[in-house]
PDB file of N, CA and C in Angstrom:
ATOM      1  N   MET A   1     -33.565 -51.959  76.356  1.00  0.00           N
ATOM      2  CA  MET A   1     -32.514 -51.633  75.770  1.00  0.00           C
ATOM      3  C   MET A   1     -32.483 -51.435  74.335  1.00  0.00           C
ATOM      4  N   VAL A   2     -33.191 -52.156  73.683  1.00  0.00           N
ATOM      5  CA  VAL A   2     -33.677 -51.941  72.111  1.00  0.00           C
ATOM      6  C   VAL A   2     -34.213 -50.440  72.155  1.00  0.00           C
ATOM      7  N   GLU A   3     -34.982 -50.224  73.082  1.00  0.00           N
ATOM      8  CA  GLU A   3     -35.645 -48.902  73.028  1.00  0.00           C
ATOM      9  C   GLU A   3     -34.470 -47.825  73.204  1.00  0.00           C
ATOM     10  N   ASP A   4     -33.682 -48.031  73.882  1.00  0.00           N
ATOM     11  CA  ASP A   4     -32.501 -47.059  74.303  1.00  0.00           C
ATOM     12  C   ASP A   4     -31.674 -46.979  72.969  1.00  0.00           C
ATOM     13  N   LEU A   5     -31.344 -48.109  72.369  1.00  0.00           N
ATOM     14  CA  LEU A   5     -30.490 -47.984  71.075  1.00  0.00           C
ATOM     15  C   LEU A   5     -31.267 -47.408  69.938  1.00  0.00           C
ATOM     16  N   LEU A   6     -32.676 -47.504  70.049  1.00  0.00           N
ATOM     17  CA  LEU A   6     -33.598 -46.948  69.122  1.00  0.00           C
ATOM     18  C   LEU A   6     -33.652 -45.466  69.231  1.00  0.00           C
ATOM     19  N   GLN A   7     -33.607 -45.008  70.563  1.00  0.00           N
ATOM     20  CA  GLN A   7     -33.540 -43.637  70.803  1.00  0.00           C
ATOM     21  C   GLN A   7     -32.357 -43.038  70.466  1.00  0.00           C
ATOM     22  N   GLN A   8     -31.258 -43.755  70.802  1.00  0.00           N
ATOM     23  CA  GLN A   8     -29.842 -43.180  70.344  1.00  0.00           C
ATOM     24  C   GLN A   8     -29.744 -42.948  68.800  1.00  0.00           C
ATOM     25  N   LEU A   9     -30.224 -44.035  67.913  1.00  0.00           N
ATOM     26  CA  LEU A   9     -30.539 -43.999  66.665  1.00  0.00           C
ATOM     27  C   LEU A   9     -31.384 -42.667  66.138  1.00  0.00           C
ATOM     28  N   VAL A  10     -32.379 -42.365  66.869  1.00  0.00           N
ATOM     29  CA  VAL A  10     -33.234 -41.325  66.375  1.00  0.00           C
ATOM     30  C   VAL A  10     -32.474 -40.087  66.786  1.00  0.00           C
ATOM     31  N   LYS A  11     -31.833 -40.119  67.829  1.00  0.00           N
ATOM     32  CA  LYS A  11     -30.968 -38.929  68.254  1.00  0.00           C
ATOM     33  C   LYS A  11     -29.755 -38.758  67.147  1.00  0.00           C
ATOM     34  N   MET A  12     -29.264 -39.833  66.680  1.00  0.00           N
ATOM     35  CA  MET A  12     -28.431 -39.679  65.865  1.00  0.00           C
ATOM     36  C   MET A  12     -28.779 -39.181  64.314  1.00  0.00           C
ATOM     37  N   VAL A  13     -30.049 -39.828  63.933  1.00  0.00           N
ATOM     38  CA  VAL A  13     -30.590 -39.372  62.774  1.00  0.00           C
ATOM     39  C   VAL A  13     -30.906 -37.938  62.908  1.00  0.00           C
ATOM     40  N   ALA A  14     -31.344 -37.574  63.929  1.00  0.00           N
ATOM     41  CA  ALA A  14     -31.885 -36.101  63.969  1.00  0.00           C
ATOM     42  C   ALA A  14     -30.562 -35.130  63.984  1.00  0.00           C
ATOM     43  N   LYS A  15     -29.621 -35.595  64.657  1.00  0.00           N
ATOM     44  CA  LYS A  15     -28.073 -34.913  64.509  1.00  0.00           C
ATOM     45  C   LYS A  15     -27.775 -34.888  63.054  1.00  0.00           C
ATOM     46  N   ASN A  16     -27.798 -36.025  62.580  1.00  0.00           N
ATOM     47  CA  ASN A  16     -27.247 -36.185  61.057  1.00  0.00           C
ATOM     48  C   ASN A  16     -28.183 -35.231  60.231  1.00  0.00           C
ATOM     49  N   ASN A  17     -29.524 -35.172  60.499  1.00  0.00           N
ATOM     50  CA  ASN A  17     -30.392 -34.337  59.602  1.00  0.00           C
ATOM     51  C   ASN A  17     -30.088 -32.659  59.950  1.00  0.00           C
ATOM     52  N   GLU A  18     -29.689 -32.346  61.224  1.00  0.00           N
ATOM     53  CA  GLU A  18     -29.405 -31.131  61.524  1.00  0.00           C
ATOM     54  C   GLU A  18     -27.897 -30.681  60.691  1.00  0.00           C
ATOM     55  N   LEU A  19     -27.093 -31.526  60.919  1.00  0.00           N
ATOM     56  CA  LEU A  19     -25.686 -31.396  60.184  1.00  0.00           C
ATOM     57  C   LEU A  19     -25.971 -31.250  58.644  1.00  0.00           C
ATOM     58  N   THR A  20     -26.709 -32.256  58.144  1.00  0.00           N
ATOM     59  CA  THR A  20     -27.219 -32.236  56.762  1.00  0.00           C
ATOM     60  C   THR A  20     -27.817 -30.727  56.387  1.00  0.00           C
ATOM     61  N   GLN A  21     -28.678 -30.330  57.310  1.00  0.00           N
ATOM     62  CA  GLN A  21     -29.401 -29.076  57.001  1.00  0.00           C
ATOM     63  C   GLN A  21     -28.429 -28.075  57.081  1.00  0.00           C
ATOM     64  N   THR A  22     -27.506 -28.012  57.958  1.00  0.00           N
ATOM     65  CA  THR A  22     -26.521 -26.893  58.201  1.00  0.00           C
ATOM     66  C   THR A  22     -25.564 -27.083  56.892  1.00  0.00           C
ATOM     67  N   LEU A  23     -25.289 -28.103  56.393  1.00  0.00           N
ATOM     68  CA  LEU A  23     -24.471 -28.357  55.354  1.00  0.00           C
ATOM     69  C   LEU A  23     -25.062 -27.717  54.079  1.00  0.00           C
ATOM     70  N   MET A  24     -26.301 -28.250  53.853  1.00  0.00           N
ATOM     71  CA  MET A  24     -27.146 -27.654  52.752  1.00  0.00           C
ATOM     72  C   MET A  24     -27.065 -26.226  52.774  1.00  0.00           C
ATOM     73  N   GLU A  25     -27.401 -25.784  53.852  1.00  0.00           N
ATOM     74  CA  GLU A  25     -27.270 -24.044  53.932  1.00  0.00           C
ATOM     75  C   GLU A  25     -26.097 -23.436  53.631  1.00  0.00           C
ATOM     76  N   LYS A  26     -24.994 -24.111  54.109  1.00  0.00           N
ATOM     77  CA  LYS A  26     -23.658 -23.746  53.597  1.00  0.00           C
ATOM     78  C   LYS A  26     -23.562 -23.611  52.141  1.00  0.00           C
ATOM     79  N   VAL A  27     -23.780 -24.929  51.616  1.00  0.00           N
ATOM     80  CA  VAL A  27     -23.729 -25.127  50.180  1.00  0.00           C
ATOM     81  C   VAL A  27     -24.589 -24.187  49.339  1.00  0.00           C
ATOM     82  N   GLU A  28     -25.713 -23.727  49.861  1.00  0.00           N
ATOM     83  CA  GLU A  28     -26.659 -22.826  49.155  1.00  0.00           C
ATOM     84  C   GLU A  28     -25.917 -21.398  49.302  1.00  0.00           C
ATOM     85  N   GLY A  29     -25.232 -21.056  50.362  1.00  0.00           N
ATOM     86  CA  GLY A  29     -24.548 -19.827  50.623  1.00  0.00           C
ATOM     87  C   GLY A  29     -23.513 -19.779  49.582  1.00  0.00           C
ATOM     88  N   LEU A  30     -22.557 -21.049  49.519  1.00  0.00           N
ATOM     89  CA  LEU A  30     -21.635 -21.113  48.254  1.00  0.00           C
ATOM     90  C   LEU A  30     -22.054 -20.923  47.076  1.00  0.00           C
ATOM     91  N   GLN A  31     -23.219 -21.428  46.942  1.00  0.00           N
ATOM     92  CA  GLN A  31     -23.771 -21.351  45.175  1.00  0.00           C
ATOM     93  C   GLN A  31     -24.031 -19.945  45.232  1.00  0.00           C
ATOM     94  N   ASN A  32     -24.727 -19.422  46.177  1.00  0.00           N
ATOM     95  CA  ASN A  32     -24.983 -17.811  45.915  1.00  0.00           C
ATOM     96  C   ASN A  32     -23.911 -16.963  45.641  1.00  0.00           C
ATOM     97  N   ASN A  33     -22.850 -17.401  46.513  1.00  0.00           N
ATOM     98  CA  ASN A  33     -21.642 -16.437  46.267  1.00  0.00           C
ATOM     99  C   ASN A  33     -20.882 -16.849  44.705  1.00  0.00           C
ATOM    100  N   VAL A  34     -21.082 -18.008  44.323  1.00  0.00           N
ATOM    101  CA  VAL A  34     -20.664 -18.495  43.034  1.00  0.00           C
ATOM    102  C   VAL A  34     -21.382 -17.742  41.941  1.00  0.00           C
ATOM    103  N   ASP A  35     -22.867 -17.634  42.358  1.00  0.00           N
ATOM    104  CA  ASP A  35     -23.623 -17.116  41.493  1.00  0.00           C
ATOM    105  C   ASP A  35     -23.334 -15.498  41.264  1.00  0.00           C
ATOM    106  N   GLY A  36     -23.022 -14.969  42.202  1.00  0.00           N
ATOM    107  CA  GLY A  36     -22.546 -13.462  42.414  1.00  0.00           C
ATOM    108  C   GLY A  36     -21.403 -13.246  41.748  1.00  0.00           C
ATOM    109  N   LEU A  37     -20.432 -14.180  41.861  1.00  0.00           N
ATOM    110  CA  LEU A  37     -19.072 -14.143  41.360  1.00  0.00           C
ATOM    111  C   LEU A  37     -19.316 -14.310  39.695  1.00  0.00           C
ATOM    112  N   GLU A  38     -20.178 -15.170  39.357  1.00  0.00           N
ATOM    113  CA  GLU A  38     -20.428 -15.334  38.017  1.00  0.00           C
ATOM    114  C   GLU A  38     -21.183 -14.044  37.254  1.00  0.00           C
ATOM    115  N   GLY A  39     -22.104 -13.395  37.976  1.00  0.00           N
ATOM    116  CA  GLY A  39     -22.562 -12.183  37.687  1.00  0.00           C
ATOM    117  C   GLY A  39     -21.600 -10.979  37.485  1.00  0.00           C
ATOM    118  N   LYS A  40     -20.561 -11.062  38.421  1.00  0.00           N
ATOM    119  CA  LYS A  40     -19.663  -9.850  38.271  1.00  0.00           C
ATOM    120  C   LYS A  40     -18.840 -10.473  37.195  1.00  0.00           C
ATOM    121  N   LEU A  41     -18.279 -11.508  37.054  1.00  0.00           N
ATOM    122  CA  LEU A  41     -17.481 -11.926  36.065  1.00  0.00           C
ATOM    123  C   LEU A  41     -17.962 -11.576  34.570  1.00  0.00           C
ATOM    124  N   ASN A  42     -19.448 -11.839  34.503  1.00  0.00           N
ATOM    125  CA  ASN A  42     -20.049 -11.551  33.276  1.00  0.00           C
ATOM    126  C   ASN A  42     -20.015 -10.014  32.935  1.00  0.00           C
ATOM    127  N   GLY A  43     -19.970  -9.202  34.183  1.00  0.00           N
ATOM    128  CA  GLY A  43     -20.145  -7.734  33.847  1.00  0.00           C
ATOM    129  C   GLY A  43     -18.835  -7.412  33.350  1.00  0.00           C
ATOM    130  N   LEU A  44     -17.812  -7.955  34.186  1.00  0.00           N
ATOM    131  CA  LEU A  44     -16.569  -7.647  33.689  1.00  0.00           C
ATOM    132  C   LEU A  44     -16.249  -7.902  32.156  1.00  0.00           C
ATOM    133  N   GLU A  45     -16.551  -9.177  31.931  1.00  0.00           N
ATOM    134  CA  GLU A  45     -16.622  -9.702  30.438  1.00  0.00           C
ATOM    135  C   GLU A  45     -17.154  -8.564  29.446  1.00  0.00           C
ATOM    136  N   GLY A  46     -18.388  -8.117  29.878  1.00  0.00           N
ATOM    137  CA  GLY A  46     -18.921  -7.179  29.075  1.00  0.00           C
ATOM    138  C   GLY A  46     -18.123  -5.997  28.953  1.00  0.00           C
ATOM    139  N   LYS A  47     -17.484  -5.390  30.041  1.00  0.00           N
ATOM    140  CA  LYS A  47     -16.687  -4.332  30.204  1.00  0.00           C
ATOM    141  C   LYS A  47     -15.525  -4.502  29.400  1.00  0.00           C
ATOM    142  N   LEU A  48     -14.951  -5.504  29.359  1.00  0.00           N
ATOM    143  CA  LEU A  48     -13.796  -5.844  28.488  1.00  0.00           C
ATOM    144  C   LEU A  48     -13.952  -5.802  27.163  1.00  0.00           C
ATOM    145  N   ASN A  49     -15.135  -6.529  26.682  1.00  0.00           N
ATOM    146  CA  ASN A  49     -15.573  -6.568  25.340  1.00  0.00           C
ATOM    147  C   ASN A  49     -15.692  -5.198  24.949  1.00  0.00           C
ATOM    148  N   SER A  50     -16.319  -4.050  25.784  1.00  0.00           N
ATOM    149  CA  SER A  50     -16.694  -3.086  25.370  1.00  0.00           C
ATOM    150  C   SER A  50     -15.318  -2.035  25.141  1.00  0.00           C
ATOM    151  N   PHE A  51     -14.260  -2.303  26.179  1.00  0.00           N
ATOM    152  CA  PHE A  51     -12.909  -1.776  26.163  1.00  0.00           C
ATOM    153  C   PHE A  51     -12.315  -2.144  24.771  1.00  0.00           C
ATOM    154  N   GLU A  52     -12.447  -3.497  24.626  1.00  0.00           N
ATOM    155  CA  GLU A  52     -11.689  -4.066  23.409  1.00  0.00           C
ATOM    156  C   GLU A  52     -12.333  -3.424  22.168  1.00  0.00           C
ATOM    157  N   GLY A  53     -13.691  -3.133  22.036  1.00  0.00           N
ATOM    158  CA  GLY A  53     -14.255  -2.459  20.953  1.00  0.00           C
ATOM    159  C   GLY A  53     -13.755  -1.110  20.693  1.00  0.00           C
ATOM    160  N   ARG A  54     -13.524  -0.374  21.914  1.00  0.00           N
ATOM    161  CA  ARG A  54     -13.022   0.922  21.960  1.00  0.00           C
ATOM    162  C   ARG A  54     -11.667   1.100  21.495  1.00  0.00           C
ATOM    163  N   LEU A  55     -11.129   0.111  22.017  1.00  0.00           N
ATOM    164  CA  LEU A  55      -9.467   0.017  21.664  1.00  0.00           C
ATOM    165  C   LEU A  55      -9.227  -0.336  20.208  1.00  0.00           C
ATOM    166  N   ASN A  56     -10.137  -1.014  19.605  1.00  0.00           N
ATOM    167  CA  ASN A  56     -10.010  -1.208  18.178  1.00  0.00           C
ATOM    168  C   ASN A  56     -10.475  -0.294  17.372  1.00  0.00           C
ATOM    169  N   ASN A  57     -11.364   0.574  17.808  1.00  0.00           N
ATOM    170  CA  ASN A  57     -11.851   1.849  17.096  1.00  0.00           C
ATOM    171  C   ASN A  57     -10.680   2.933  17.261  1.00  0.00           C
ATOM    172  N   PHE A  58     -10.066   2.884  18.463  1.00  0.00           N
ATOM    173  CA  PHE A  58      -8.881   3.889  18.492  1.00  0.00           C
ATOM    174  C   PHE A  58      -7.559   3.342  17.586  1.00  0.00           C
ATOM    175  N   GLU A  59      -7.495   2.051  17.490  1.00  0.00           N
ATOM    176  CA  GLU A  59      -6.496   1.516  16.768  1.00  0.00           C
ATOM    177  C   GLU A  59      -6.682   1.964  15.141  1.00  0.00           C
ATOM    178  N   GLY A  60      -8.097   1.889  14.676  1.00  0.00           N
ATOM    179  CA  GLY A  60      -8.492   2.236  13.293  1.00  0.00           C
ATOM    180  C   GLY A  60      -8.315   3.595  13.212  1.00  0.00           C
ATOM    181  N   ARG A  61      -8.294   4.502  14.170  1.00  0.00           N
ATOM    182  CA  ARG A  61      -8.268   5.901  14.109  1.00  0.00           C
ATOM    183  C   ARG A  61      -6.562   6.213  13.857  1.00  0.00           C
ATOM    184  N   LEU A  62      -6.015   5.576  14.766  1.00  0.00           N
ATOM    185  CA  LEU A  62      -4.365   5.797  14.669  1.00  0.00           C
ATOM    186  C   LEU A  62      -3.943   5.154  13.298  1.00  0.00           C
ATOM    187  N   ASP A  63      -4.462   4.176  12.750  1.00  0.00           N
ATOM    188  CA  ASP A  63      -4.124   3.783  11.543  1.00  0.00           C
ATOM    189  C   ASP A  63      -4.419   4.764  10.373  1.00  0.00           C
ATOM    190  N   SER A  64      -5.754   5.297  10.523  1.00  0.00           N
ATOM    191  CA  SER A  64      -6.024   6.340   9.634  1.00  0.00           C
ATOM    192  C   SER A  64      -5.351   7.714   9.648  1.00  0.00           C
ATOM    193  N   LEU A  65      -4.873   7.878  10.800  1.00  0.00           N
ATOM    194  CA  LEU A  65      -3.994   9.217  11.214  1.00  0.00           C
ATOM    195  C   LEU A  65      -2.639   8.857  10.614  1.00  0.00           C
ATOM    196  N   GLU A  66      -2.171   7.713  10.889  1.00  0.00           N
ATOM    197  CA  GLU A  66      -0.832   7.421  10.237  1.00  0.00           C
ATOM    198  C   GLU A  66      -0.932   7.439   8.682  1.00  0.00           C
ATOM    199  N   GLY A  67      -1.954   7.153   8.054  1.00  0.00           N
ATOM    200  CA  GLY A  67      -2.102   7.230   6.519  1.00  0.00           C
ATOM    201  C   GLY A  67      -2.202   8.704   6.069  1.00  0.00           C
ATOM    202  N   LYS A  68      -2.696   9.522   7.048  1.00  0.00           N
ATOM    203  CA  LYS A  68      -3.082  10.848   6.507  1.00  0.00           C
ATOM    204  C   LYS A  68      -1.499  11.647   6.749  1.00  0.00           C
ATOM    205  N   LEU A  69      -0.903  11.247   7.740  1.00  0.00           N
ATOM    206  CA  LEU A  69       0.560  11.648   8.187  1.00  0.00           C
ATOM    207  C   LEU A  69       1.354  11.479   7.135  1.00  0.00           C
ATOM    208  N   ASP A  70       1.387  10.036   6.581  1.00  0.00           N
ATOM    209  CA  ASP A  70       2.166   9.713   5.447  1.00  0.00           C
ATOM    210  C   ASP A  70       1.907  10.542   4.239  1.00  0.00           C
ATOM    211  N   GLY A  71       0.664  10.770   3.958  1.00  0.00           N
ATOM    212  CA  GLY A  71       0.413  11.724   2.884  1.00  0.00           C
ATOM    213  C   GLY A  71       0.837  13.040   2.985  1.00  0.00           C
ATOM    214  N   LEU A  72       0.822  13.699   4.051  1.00  0.00           N
ATOM    215  CA  LEU A  72       1.131  14.912   4.476  1.00  0.00           C
ATOM    216  C   LEU A  72       2.633  15.037   4.333  1.00  0.00           C
ATOM    217  N   GLU A  73       3.471  13.905   4.817  1.00  0.00           N
ATOM    218  CA  GLU A  73       4.917  13.714   4.544  1.00  0.00           C
ATOM    219  C   GLU A  73       5.277  13.921   3.127  1.00  0.00           C
ATOM    220  N   GLY A  74       4.464  13.094   2.248  1.00  0.00           N
ATOM    221  CA  GLY A  74       4.900  13.313   0.833  1.00  0.00           C
ATOM    222  C   GLY A  74       4.563  14.420   0.227  1.00  0.00           C
ATOM    223  N   LYS A  75       3.589  15.141   0.773  1.00  0.00           N
ATOM    224  CA  LYS A  75       3.217  16.524   0.321  1.00  0.00           C
ATOM    225  C   LYS A  75       4.192  17.279   0.647  1.00  0.00           C
ATOM    226  N   LEU A  76       4.693  17.296   2.000  1.00  0.00           N
ATOM    227  CA  LEU A  76       5.906  18.107   2.260  1.00  0.00           C
ATOM    228  C   LEU A  76       6.978  17.973   1.730  1.00  0.00           C
ATOM    229  N   ASN A  77       7.374  16.842   1.465  1.00  0.00           N
ATOM    230  CA  ASN A  77       8.601  16.480   0.549  1.00  0.00           C
ATOM    231  C   ASN A  77       8.479  17.092  -0.789  1.00  0.00           C
ATOM    232  N   ASN A  78       7.277  16.756  -1.535  1.00  0.00           N
ATOM    233  CA  ASN A  78       7.179  17.629  -2.694  1.00  0.00           C
ATOM    234  C   ASN A  78       7.315  19.021  -2.724  1.00  0.00           C
ATOM    235  N   LEU A  79       6.653  19.690  -1.560  1.00  0.00           N
ATOM    236  CA  LEU A  79       6.922  21.235  -1.274  1.00  0.00           C
ATOM    237  C   LEU A  79       8.239  21.563  -1.211  1.00  0.00           C
ATOM    238  N   GLU A  80       9.015  20.746  -0.218  1.00  0.00           N
ATOM    239  CA  GLU A  80      10.414  21.109  -0.179  1.00  0.00           C
ATOM    240  C   GLU A  80      11.195  20.972  -1.441  1.00  0.00           C
ATOM    241  N   LYS A  81      10.990  19.772  -2.400  1.00  0.00           N
ATOM    242  CA  LYS A  81      11.689  19.941  -3.645  1.00  0.00           C
ATOM    243  C   LYS A  81      11.476  21.236  -4.499  1.00  0.00           C
ATOM    244  N   ASP A  82      10.137  21.451  -4.370  1.00  0.00           N
ATOM    245  CA  ASP A  82       9.717  22.540  -5.360  1.00  0.00           C
ATOM    246  C   ASP A  82      10.042  23.846  -4.807  1.00  0.00           C
ATOM    247  N   MET A  83      10.214  24.024  -3.364  1.00  0.00           N
ATOM    248  CA  MET A  83      10.929  25.341  -2.851  1.00  0.00           C
ATOM    249  C   MET A  83      12.387  25.377  -3.158  1.00  0.00           C
ATOM    250  N   HIS A  84      13.031  24.376  -3.012  1.00  0.00           N
ATOM    251  CA  HIS A  84      14.411  24.202  -3.615  1.00  0.00           C
ATOM    252  C   HIS A  84      14.605  24.649  -4.982  1.00  0.00           C
ATOM    253  N   THR A  85      13.730  24.098  -6.017  1.00  0.00           N
ATOM    254  CA  THR A  85      13.821  24.524  -7.245  1.00  0.00           C
ATOM    255  C   THR A  85      13.756  25.813  -7.432  1.00  0.00           C
ATOM    256  N   ARG A  86      12.691  26.381  -6.653  1.00  0.00           N
ATOM    257  CA  ARG A  86      12.131  27.763  -7.009  1.00  0.00           C
ATOM    258  C   ARG A  86      13.319  28.692  -6.559  1.00  0.00           C
ATOM    259  N   PHE A  87      13.888  28.163  -5.278  1.00  0.00           N
ATOM    260  CA  PHE A  87      14.936  29.064  -4.768  1.00  0.00           C
ATOM    261  C   PHE A  87      16.175  29.192  -5.701  1.00  0.00           C
ATOM    262  N   ASP A  88      16.562  28.120  -5.969  1.00  0.00           N
ATOM    263  CA  ASP A  88      17.538  27.868  -6.915  1.00  0.00           C
ATOM    264  C   ASP A  88      17.444  28.891  -8.159  1.00  0.00           C
ATOM    265  N   LYS A  89      16.349  28.807  -8.639  1.00  0.00           N
ATOM    266  CA  LYS A  89      15.824  29.667  -9.876  1.00  0.00           C
ATOM    267  C   LYS A  89      16.253  31.059  -9.401  1.00  0.00           C
ATOM    268  N   VAL A  90      15.658  31.539  -8.357  1.00  0.00           N
ATOM    269  CA  VAL A  90      15.672  32.896  -7.894  1.00  0.00           C
ATOM    270  C   VAL A  90      17.138  33.315  -7.656  1.00  0.00           C
ATOM    271  N   GLU A  91      18.015  32.372  -7.027  1.00  0.00           N
ATOM    272  CA  GLU A  91      19.198  32.606  -6.673  1.00  0.00           C
ATOM    273  C   GLU A  91      20.032  32.856  -8.142  1.00  0.00           C
ATOM    274  N   ARG A  92      19.702  31.930  -9.038  1.00  0.00           N
ATOM    275  CA  ARG A  92      20.488  32.224 -10.370  1.00  0.00           C
ATOM    276  C   ARG A  92      19.924  33.680 -10.966  1.00  0.00           C
ATOM    277  N   GLN A  93      18.787  33.734 -10.851  1.00  0.00           N
ATOM    278  CA  GLN A  93      18.316  35.273 -11.349  1.00  0.00           C
ATOM    279  C   GLN A  93      18.838  36.247 -10.682  1.00  0.00           C
ATOM    280  N   LEU A  94      19.094  36.304  -9.266  1.00  0.00           N
ATOM    281  CA  LEU A  94      19.798  37.275  -8.485  1.00  0.00           C
ATOM    282  C   LEU A  94      21.329  37.459  -8.909  1.00  0.00           C
ATOM    283  N   LYS A  95      21.905  36.254  -9.150  1.00  0.00           N
ATOM    284  CA  LYS A  95      23.141  36.261  -9.504  1.00  0.00           C
ATOM    285  C   LYS A  95      23.358  37.008 -10.980  1.00  0.00           C
ATOM    286  N   LEU A  96      22.421  36.686 -11.801  1.00  0.00           N
ATOM    287  CA  LEU A  96      22.334  37.282 -13.132  1.00  0.00           C
ATOM    288  C   LEU A  96      22.213  38.843 -12.876  1.00  0.00           C
ATOM    289  N   LEU A  97      21.063  39.215 -12.042  1.00  0.00           N
ATOM    290  CA  LEU A  97      20.925  40.628 -11.792  1.00  0.00           C
ATOM    291  C   LEU A  97      22.152  41.307 -11.129  1.00  0.00           C
ATOM    292  N   GLU A  98      22.944  40.741 -10.141  1.00  0.00           N
ATOM    293  CA  GLU A  98      24.062  41.207  -9.581  1.00  0.00           C
ATOM    294  C   GLU A  98      25.104  41.486 -10.882  1.00  0.00           C
ATOM    295  N   SER A  99      25.255  40.331 -11.614  1.00  0.00           N
ATOM    296  CA  SER A  99      26.234  40.678 -12.756  1.00  0.00           C
ATOM    297  C   SER A  99      25.604  41.754 -13.743  1.00  0.00           C
ATOM    298  N   ASP A 100      24.477  41.871 -13.779  1.00  0.00           N
ATOM    299  CA  ASP A 100      24.015  43.071 -14.853  1.00  0.00           C
ATOM    300  C   ASP A 100      24.183  44.320 -14.255  1.00  0.00           C
ATOM    301  N   PHE A 101      24.022  44.444 -12.880  1.00  0.00           N
ATOM    302  CA  PHE A 101      24.287  45.739 -12.219  1.00  0.00           C
ATOM    303  C   PHE A 101      25.834  46.175 -11.958  1.00  0.00           C
ATOM    304  N   ASP A 102      26.558  45.119 -11.906  1.00  0.00           N
ATOM    305  CA  ASP A 102      27.992  45.388 -12.034  1.00  0.00           C
ATOM    306  C   ASP A 102      28.535  45.841 -13.490  1.00  0.00           C
ATOM    307  N   LEU A 103      27.938  45.215 -14.488  1.00  0.00           N
ATOM    308  CA  LEU A 103      28.181  45.972 -15.851  1.00  0.00           C
ATOM    309  C   LEU A 103      27.617  47.130 -15.963  1.00  0.00           C
ATOM    310  N   LEU A 104      26.221  47.379 -15.534  1.00  0.00           N
ATOM    311  CA  LEU A 104      25.738  48.646 -15.379  1.00  0.00           C
ATOM    312  C   LEU A 104      26.727  49.896 -14.854  1.00  0.00           C
ATOM    313  N   TYR A 105      27.069  49.548 -13.532  1.00  0.00           N
ATOM    314  CA  TYR A 105      28.041  50.297 -12.799  1.00  0.00           C
ATOM    315  C   TYR A 105      29.257  50.646 -13.767  1.00  0.00           C
ATOM    316  N   ALA A 106      29.839  49.538 -14.197  1.00  0.00           N
ATOM    317  CA  ALA A 106      31.145  49.609 -14.891  1.00  0.00           C
ATOM    318  C   ALA A 106      30.596  50.761 -16.271  1.00  0.00           C
ATOM    319  N   LYS A 107      29.696  50.413 -16.961  1.00  0.00           N
ATOM    320  CA  LYS A 107      29.303  51.373 -18.139  1.00  0.00           C
ATOM    321  C   LYS A 107      29.254  52.629 -17.744  1.00  0.00           C
ATOM    322  N   THR A 108      28.480  52.799 -16.557  1.00  0.00           N
ATOM    323  CA  THR A 108      28.188  54.265 -16.086  1.00  0.00           C
ATOM    324  C   THR A 108      29.414  54.858 -15.824  1.00  0.00           C
ATOM    325  N   ALA A 109      30.382  54.232 -15.185  1.00  0.00           N
ATOM    326  CA  ALA A 109      31.600  54.867 -14.681  1.00  0.00           C
ATOM    327  C   ALA A 109      32.237  55.097 -16.084  1.00  0.00           C
ATOM    328  N   GLU A 110      32.467  54.355 -16.997  1.00  0.00           N
ATOM    329  CA  GLU A 110      33.137  54.510 -18.195  1.00  0.00           C
ATOM    330  C   GLU A 110      32.521  55.639 -18.964  1.00  0.00           C
ATOM    331  N   HIS A 111      31.048  55.793 -19.011  1.00  0.00           N
ATOM    332  CA  HIS A 111      30.301  57.058 -19.591  1.00  0.00           C
ATOM    333  C   HIS A 111      30.768  58.273 -18.904  1.00  0.00           C
ATOM    334  N   GLU A 112      30.756  58.264 -17.583  1.00  0.00           N
ATOM    335  CA  GLU A 112      31.045  59.509 -16.809  1.00  0.00           C
ATOM    336  C   GLU A 112      32.601  60.027 -17.013  1.00  0.00           C
ATOM    337  N   ARG A 113      33.282  59.044 -17.277  1.00  0.00           N
ATOM    338  CA  ARG A 113      34.964  59.198 -17.534  1.00  0.00           C
ATOM    339  C   ARG A 113      34.973  59.847 -18.968  1.00  0.00           C
ATOM    340  N   THR A 114      34.105  59.181 -19.856  1.00  0.00           N
ATOM    341  CA  THR A 114      34.251  59.753 -21.335  1.00  0.00           C
ATOM    342  C   THR A 114      33.644  61.241 -21.212  1.00  0.00           C
ATOM    343  N   LEU A 115      32.443  61.436 -20.499  1.00  0.00           N
ATOM    344  CA  LEU A 115      31.828  62.715 -20.553  1.00  0.00           C
ATOM    345  C   LEU A 115      32.679  63.742 -19.799  1.00  0.00           C
ATOM    346  N   ASN A 116      33.609  63.205 -18.889  1.00  0.00           N
ATOM    347  CA  ASN A 116      34.407  64.139 -18.177  1.00  0.00           C
ATOM    348  C   ASN A 116      35.658  64.549 -18.913  1.00  0.00           C
ATOM    349  N   ARG A 117      36.113  63.565 -19.911  1.00  0.00           N
ATOM    350  CA  ARG A 117      37.064  63.892 -20.861  1.00  0.00           C
ATOM    351  C   ARG A 117      36.658  64.781 -21.975  1.00  0.00           C
ATOM    352  N   LEU A 118      35.323  64.599 -22.433  1.00  0.00           N
ATOM    353  CA  LEU A 118      34.857  65.545 -23.305  1.00  0.00           C
ATOM    354  C   LEU A 118      34.835  66.808 -22.921  1.00  0.00           C
ATOM    355  N   LYS A 119      34.318  67.007 -21.657  1.00  0.00           N
ATOM    356  CA  LYS A 119      34.173  68.320 -20.996  1.00  0.00           C
ATOM    357  C   LYS A 119      35.541  68.939 -20.694  1.00  0.00           C
ATOM    358  N   ALA A 120      36.533  68.267 -20.339  1.00  0.00           N
ATOM    359  CA  ALA A 120      37.838  68.687 -20.137  1.00  0.00           C
ATOM    360  C   ALA A 120      38.548  69.132 -21.446  1.00  0.00           C
ATOM    361  N   ASN A 121      38.129  68.739 -22.702  1.00  0.00           N
ATOM    362  CA  ASN A 121      38.808  69.087 -23.834  1.00  0.00           C
ATOM    363  C   ASN A 121      38.043  70.227 -24.495  1.00  0.00           C
TER     364      ASN A 121
END
């Protein structure tokens, strides 16, 4: 009877060893999966860091472009003011020329009238 109990105990220990071995294999498999996931996460982290760097570079370029656009806008505003000033000056000169031509036509008509009267007399 002791031998039967001992054999049952040996069988139970053997079964326990098998279950322990199976459990250890599964734990190793899970560990390998976790290691694989950790590698993938590290790769993803590297890609995200690279993307963040490129995004920061892009943001810097946008800031630079914004500064250049602000400068260009200022130059365009100055050019617009200058063009208005010049256009107003040209407009005034044209009005003066128009007035001078009106006076010239009036004087020409007066001189022609005077010449015709002199010819008629």
